[in-house]
Amino acid sequence: MISMDVKTSNIITMIAGVIFIGLGINNILHSSQWWRYVTFIIGIIIFAMGAYGYKTGRRF
C-alpha cells in the first residue's frame, strides 16, 4: 500500500463516493428493484465521510 497523506486519501474517498453515487443514479434509472437505492445511499455515505475527513484533516 502506498503511504498517502490524509488529504489525498480523503480526496480518493470522495472520488469513490461520487462513483458510487453515479452507479446508484444509473441503477435507479435502469431498474426497478429496491436495492438500486442501496448503491446511491452508500455513495452518499462514502462521500460524506471523505468530505468530513478532508474538512477536519483527519481520517474517519
PDB file of N, CA and C in Angstrom:
ATOM      1  N   MET A   1       0.852  -1.204   0.000  1.00  0.00           N
ATOM      2  CA  MET A   1       0.000   0.000   0.000  1.00  0.00           C
ATOM      3  C   MET A   1       0.882   1.247   0.000  1.00  0.00           C
ATOM      4  N   ILE A   2       0.546   2.173  -0.833  1.00  0.00           N
ATOM      5  CA  ILE A   2       1.299   3.422  -0.920  1.00  0.00           C
ATOM      6  C   ILE A   2       0.913   4.295   0.275  1.00  0.00           C
ATOM      7  N   SER A   3       1.883   4.843   0.961  1.00  0.00           N
ATOM      8  CA  SER A   3       1.567   5.740   2.070  1.00  0.00           C
ATOM      9  C   SER A   3       1.151   7.097   1.509  1.00  0.00           C
ATOM     10  N   MET A   4      -0.002   7.557   1.963  1.00  0.00           N
ATOM     11  CA  MET A   4      -0.542   8.829   1.474  1.00  0.00           C
ATOM     12  C   MET A   4      -0.808   9.736   2.655  1.00  0.00           C
ATOM     13  N   ASP A   5      -0.814  11.030   2.397  1.00  0.00           N
ATOM     14  CA  ASP A   5      -1.235  11.932   3.460  1.00  0.00           C
ATOM     15  C   ASP A   5      -2.762  11.880   3.570  1.00  0.00           C
ATOM     16  N   VAL A   6      -3.249  12.441   4.644  1.00  0.00           N
ATOM     17  CA  VAL A   6      -4.681  12.370   4.957  1.00  0.00           C
ATOM     18  C   VAL A   6      -5.516  13.057   3.876  1.00  0.00           C
ATOM     19  N   LYS A   7      -5.039  14.191   3.398  1.00  0.00           N
ATOM     20  CA  LYS A   7      -5.776  14.955   2.384  1.00  0.00           C
ATOM     21  C   LYS A   7      -5.986  14.124   1.118  1.00  0.00           C
ATOM     22  N   THR A   8      -4.924  13.479   0.650  1.00  0.00           N
ATOM     23  CA  THR A   8      -5.006  12.656  -0.563  1.00  0.00           C
ATOM     24  C   THR A   8      -5.972  11.494  -0.378  1.00  0.00           C
ATOM     25  N   SER A   9      -5.877  10.801   0.752  1.00  0.00           N
ATOM     26  CA  SER A   9      -6.757   9.658   0.984  1.00  0.00           C
ATOM     27  C   SER A   9      -8.220  10.090   1.089  1.00  0.00           C
ATOM     28  N   ASN A  10      -8.471  11.266   1.652  1.00  0.00           N
ATOM     29  CA  ASN A  10      -9.839  11.772   1.716  1.00  0.00           C
ATOM     30  C   ASN A  10     -10.364  12.177   0.339  1.00  0.00           C
ATOM     31  N   ILE A  11      -9.502  12.719  -0.514  1.00  0.00           N
ATOM     32  CA  ILE A  11      -9.904  13.041  -1.890  1.00  0.00           C
ATOM     33  C   ILE A  11     -10.280  11.758  -2.621  1.00  0.00           C
ATOM     34  N   ILE A  12      -9.475  10.699  -2.456  1.00  0.00           N
ATOM     35  CA  ILE A  12      -9.766   9.405  -3.082  1.00  0.00           C
ATOM     36  C   ILE A  12     -11.097   8.854  -2.555  1.00  0.00           C
ATOM     37  N   THR A  13     -11.347   9.008  -1.253  1.00  0.00           N
ATOM     38  CA  THR A  13     -12.615   8.576  -0.665  1.00  0.00           C
ATOM     39  C   THR A  13     -13.783   9.326  -1.293  1.00  0.00           C
ATOM     40  N   MET A  14     -13.639  10.642  -1.489  1.00  0.00           N
ATOM     41  CA  MET A  14     -14.708  11.440  -2.111  1.00  0.00           C
ATOM     42  C   MET A  14     -14.941  11.017  -3.556  1.00  0.00           C
ATOM     43  N   ILE A  15     -13.853  10.724  -4.289  1.00  0.00           N
ATOM     44  CA  ILE A  15     -13.990  10.261  -5.675  1.00  0.00           C
ATOM     45  C   ILE A  15     -14.746   8.932  -5.708  1.00  0.00           C
ATOM     46  N   ALA A  16     -14.399   8.017  -4.793  1.00  0.00           N
ATOM     47  CA  ALA A  16     -15.103   6.732  -4.701  1.00  0.00           C
ATOM     48  C   ALA A  16     -16.587   6.958  -4.410  1.00  0.00           C
ATOM     49  N   GLY A  17     -16.882   7.903  -3.526  1.00  0.00           N
ATOM     50  CA  GLY A  17     -18.266   8.246  -3.213  1.00  0.00           C
ATOM     51  C   GLY A  17     -19.024   8.734  -4.434  1.00  0.00           C
ATOM     52  N   VAL A  18     -18.382   9.597  -5.225  1.00  0.00           N
ATOM     53  CA  VAL A  18     -19.005  10.124  -6.449  1.00  0.00           C
ATOM     54  C   VAL A  18     -19.285   8.987  -7.435  1.00  0.00           C
ATOM     55  N   ILE A  19     -18.334   8.044  -7.557  1.00  0.00           N
ATOM     56  CA  ILE A  19     -18.517   6.892  -8.451  1.00  0.00           C
ATOM     57  C   ILE A  19     -19.722   6.062  -8.000  1.00  0.00           C
ATOM     58  N   PHE A  20     -19.826   5.795  -6.691  1.00  0.00           N
ATOM     59  CA  PHE A  20     -20.964   5.045  -6.168  1.00  0.00           C
ATOM     60  C   PHE A  20     -22.282   5.778  -6.394  1.00  0.00           C
ATOM     61  N   ILE A  21     -22.289   7.105  -6.201  1.00  0.00           N
ATOM     62  CA  ILE A  21     -23.497   7.905  -6.448  1.00  0.00           C
ATOM     63  C   ILE A  21     -23.900   7.788  -7.917  1.00  0.00           C
ATOM     64  N   GLY A  22     -22.906   7.874  -8.804  1.00  0.00           N
ATOM     65  CA  GLY A  22     -23.166   7.725 -10.237  1.00  0.00           C
ATOM     66  C   GLY A  22     -23.749   6.367 -10.571  1.00  0.00           C
ATOM     67  N   LEU A  23     -23.167   5.309  -9.992  1.00  0.00           N
ATOM     68  CA  LEU A  23     -23.699   3.961 -10.203  1.00  0.00           C
ATOM     69  C   LEU A  23     -25.114   3.843  -9.663  1.00  0.00           C
ATOM     70  N   GLY A  24     -25.351   4.456  -8.515  1.00  0.00           N
ATOM     71  CA  GLY A  24     -26.685   4.440  -7.911  1.00  0.00           C
ATOM     72  C   GLY A  24     -27.717   5.117  -8.794  1.00  0.00           C
ATOM     73  N   ILE A  25     -27.372   6.276  -9.339  1.00  0.00           N
ATOM     74  CA  ILE A  25     -28.279   7.001 -10.248  1.00  0.00           C
ATOM     75  C   ILE A  25     -28.551   6.151 -11.485  1.00  0.00           C
ATOM     76  N   ASN A  26     -27.500   5.539 -12.033  1.00  0.00           N
ATOM     77  CA  ASN A  26     -27.646   4.663 -13.196  1.00  0.00           C
ATOM     78  C   ASN A  26     -28.589   3.503 -12.879  1.00  0.00           C
ATOM     79  N   ASN A  27     -28.434   2.893 -11.700  1.00  0.00           N
ATOM     80  CA  ASN A  27     -29.309   1.789 -11.284  1.00  0.00           C
ATOM     81  C   ASN A  27     -30.758   2.247 -11.136  1.00  0.00           C
ATOM     82  N   ILE A  28     -30.952   3.420 -10.545  1.00  0.00           N
ATOM     83  CA  ILE A  28     -32.306   3.955 -10.346  1.00  0.00           C
ATOM     84  C   ILE A  28     -32.984   4.178 -11.699  1.00  0.00           C
ATOM     85  N   LEU A  29     -32.224   4.677 -12.670  1.00  0.00           N
ATOM     86  CA  LEU A  29     -32.790   4.953 -13.998  1.00  0.00           C
ATOM     87  C   LEU A  29     -33.100   3.681 -14.787  1.00  0.00           C
ATOM     88  N   HIS A  30     -32.342   2.611 -14.556  1.00  0.00           N
ATOM     89  CA  HIS A  30     -32.442   1.430 -15.417  1.00  0.00           C
ATOM     90  C   HIS A  30     -33.014   0.183 -14.752  1.00  0.00           C
ATOM     91  N   SER A  31     -33.454   0.263 -13.497  1.00  0.00           N
ATOM     92  CA  SER A  31     -34.020  -0.934 -12.866  1.00  0.00           C
ATOM     93  C   SER A  31     -35.148  -0.563 -11.929  1.00  0.00           C
ATOM     94  N   SER A  32     -35.823  -1.565 -11.440  1.00  0.00           N
ATOM     95  CA  SER A  32     -36.992  -1.297 -10.603  1.00  0.00           C
ATOM     96  C   SER A  32     -36.959  -2.060  -9.275  1.00  0.00           C
ATOM     97  N   GLN A  33     -35.780  -2.569  -8.883  1.00  0.00           N
ATOM     98  CA  GLN A  33     -35.665  -3.269  -7.605  1.00  0.00           C
ATOM     99  C   GLN A  33     -35.335  -2.282  -6.477  1.00  0.00           C
ATOM    100  N   TRP A  34     -35.679  -2.661  -5.270  1.00  0.00           N
ATOM    101  CA  TRP A  34     -35.442  -1.796  -4.106  1.00  0.00           C
ATOM    102  C   TRP A  34     -33.957  -1.559  -3.868  1.00  0.00           C
ATOM    103  N   TRP A  35     -33.112  -2.559  -4.164  1.00  0.00           N
ATOM    104  CA  TRP A  35     -31.685  -2.460  -3.839  1.00  0.00           C
ATOM    105  C   TRP A  35     -30.950  -1.433  -4.689  1.00  0.00           C
ATOM    106  N   ARG A  36     -31.594  -0.923  -5.747  1.00  0.00           N
ATOM    107  CA  ARG A  36     -30.941   0.107  -6.572  1.00  0.00           C
ATOM    108  C   ARG A  36     -30.604   1.338  -5.731  1.00  0.00           C
ATOM    109  N   TYR A  37     -31.392   1.594  -4.687  1.00  0.00           N
ATOM    110  CA  TYR A  37     -31.152   2.761  -3.821  1.00  0.00           C
ATOM    111  C   TYR A  37     -29.968   2.555  -2.892  1.00  0.00           C
ATOM    112  N   VAL A  38     -29.623   1.283  -2.607  1.00  0.00           N
ATOM    113  CA  VAL A  38     -28.544   0.975  -1.669  1.00  0.00           C
ATOM    114  C   VAL A  38     -27.212   1.555  -2.159  1.00  0.00           C
ATOM    115  N   THR A  39     -26.897   1.344  -3.448  1.00  0.00           N
ATOM    116  CA  THR A  39     -25.643   1.866  -4.015  1.00  0.00           C
ATOM    117  C   THR A  39     -25.583   3.380  -3.882  1.00  0.00           C
ATOM    118  N   PHE A  40     -26.703   4.048  -4.174  1.00  0.00           N
ATOM    119  CA  PHE A  40     -26.795   5.502  -4.104  1.00  0.00           C
ATOM    120  C   PHE A  40     -26.546   5.991  -2.678  1.00  0.00           C
ATOM    121  N   ILE A  41     -27.188   5.340  -1.699  1.00  0.00           N
ATOM    122  CA  ILE A  41     -27.047   5.717  -0.284  1.00  0.00           C
ATOM    123  C   ILE A  41     -25.619   5.471   0.197  1.00  0.00           C
ATOM    124  N   ILE A  42     -25.026   4.316  -0.183  1.00  0.00           N
ATOM    125  CA  ILE A  42     -23.638   4.020   0.179  1.00  0.00           C
ATOM    126  C   ILE A  42     -22.712   5.101  -0.383  1.00  0.00           C
ATOM    127  N   GLY A  43     -22.966   5.516  -1.630  1.00  0.00           N
ATOM    128  CA  GLY A  43     -22.165   6.570  -2.253  1.00  0.00           C
ATOM    129  C   GLY A  43     -22.214   7.869  -1.479  1.00  0.00           C
ATOM    130  N   ILE A  44     -23.412   8.244  -1.031  1.00  0.00           N
ATOM    131  CA  ILE A  44     -23.569   9.471  -0.239  1.00  0.00           C
ATOM    132  C   ILE A  44     -22.802   9.354   1.074  1.00  0.00           C
ATOM    133  N   ILE A  45     -22.892   8.194   1.731  1.00  0.00           N
ATOM    134  CA  ILE A  45     -22.191   7.972   2.996  1.00  0.00           C
ATOM    135  C   ILE A  45     -20.671   8.047   2.794  1.00  0.00           C
ATOM    136  N   ILE A  46     -20.159   7.357   1.757  1.00  0.00           N
ATOM    137  CA  ILE A  46     -18.718   7.369   1.467  1.00  0.00           C
ATOM    138  C   ILE A  46     -18.246   8.797   1.181  1.00  0.00           C
ATOM    139  N   PHE A  47     -19.007   9.527   0.346  1.00  0.00           N
ATOM    140  CA  PHE A  47     -18.639  10.898   0.006  1.00  0.00           C
ATOM    141  C   PHE A  47     -18.638  11.783   1.250  1.00  0.00           C
ATOM    142  N   ALA A  48     -19.659  11.631   2.094  1.00  0.00           N
ATOM    143  CA  ALA A  48     -19.763  12.424   3.322  1.00  0.00           C
ATOM    144  C   ALA A  48     -18.578  12.151   4.253  1.00  0.00           C
ATOM    145  N   MET A  49     -18.172  10.877   4.378  1.00  0.00           N
ATOM    146  CA  MET A  49     -17.022  10.536   5.214  1.00  0.00           C
ATOM    147  C   MET A  49     -15.755  11.182   4.672  1.00  0.00           C
ATOM    148  N   GLY A  50     -15.573  11.144   3.346  1.00  0.00           N
ATOM    149  CA  GLY A  50     -14.410  11.762   2.723  1.00  0.00           C
ATOM    150  C   GLY A  50     -14.395  13.269   2.906  1.00  0.00           C
ATOM    151  N   ALA A  51     -15.552  13.889   2.709  1.00  0.00           N
ATOM    152  CA  ALA A  51     -15.665  15.344   2.845  1.00  0.00           C
ATOM    153  C   ALA A  51     -15.419  15.773   4.289  1.00  0.00           C
ATOM    154  N   TYR A  52     -15.965  15.020   5.246  1.00  0.00           N
ATOM    155  CA  TYR A  52     -15.764  15.321   6.665  1.00  0.00           C
ATOM    156  C   TYR A  52     -14.285  15.191   7.033  1.00  0.00           C
ATOM    157  N   GLY A  53     -13.660  14.109   6.576  1.00  0.00           N
ATOM    158  CA  GLY A  53     -12.239  13.881   6.849  1.00  0.00           C
ATOM    159  C   GLY A  53     -11.376  14.968   6.236  1.00  0.00           C
ATOM    160  N   TYR A  54     -11.737  15.393   5.032  1.00  0.00           N
ATOM    161  CA  TYR A  54     -10.980  16.433   4.327  1.00  0.00           C
ATOM    162  C   TYR A  54     -11.079  17.758   5.073  1.00  0.00           C
ATOM    163  N   LYS A  55     -12.277  18.057   5.572  1.00  0.00           N
ATOM    164  CA  LYS A  55     -12.508  19.311   6.294  1.00  0.00           C
ATOM    165  C   LYS A  55     -11.793  19.347   7.632  1.00  0.00           C
ATOM    166  N   THR A  56     -11.854  18.240   8.362  1.00  0.00           N
ATOM    167  CA  THR A  56     -11.260  18.203   9.703  1.00  0.00           C
ATOM    168  C   THR A  56      -9.773  17.823   9.669  1.00  0.00           C
ATOM    169  N   GLY A  57      -9.314  17.331   8.503  1.00  0.00           N
ATOM    170  CA  GLY A  57      -7.917  16.930   8.377  1.00  0.00           C
ATOM    171  C   GLY A  57      -7.612  15.612   9.065  1.00  0.00           C
ATOM    172  N   ARG A  58      -8.656  14.808   9.298  1.00  0.00           N
ATOM    173  CA  ARG A  58      -8.481  13.521   9.961  1.00  0.00           C
ATOM    174  C   ARG A  58      -9.065  12.415   9.088  1.00  0.00           C
ATOM    175  N   ARG A  59      -8.604  11.201   9.363  1.00  0.00           N
ATOM    176  CA  ARG A  59      -9.192  10.029   8.749  1.00  0.00           C
ATOM    177  C   ARG A  59     -10.368   9.610   9.630  1.00  0.00           C
ATOM    178  N   PHE A  60     -11.487   9.237   9.031  1.00  0.00           N
ATOM    179  CA  PHE A  60     -12.676   8.870   9.826  1.00  0.00           C
ATOM    180  C   PHE A  60     -12.451   7.609  10.638  1.00  0.00           C
TER     181      PHE A  60
END
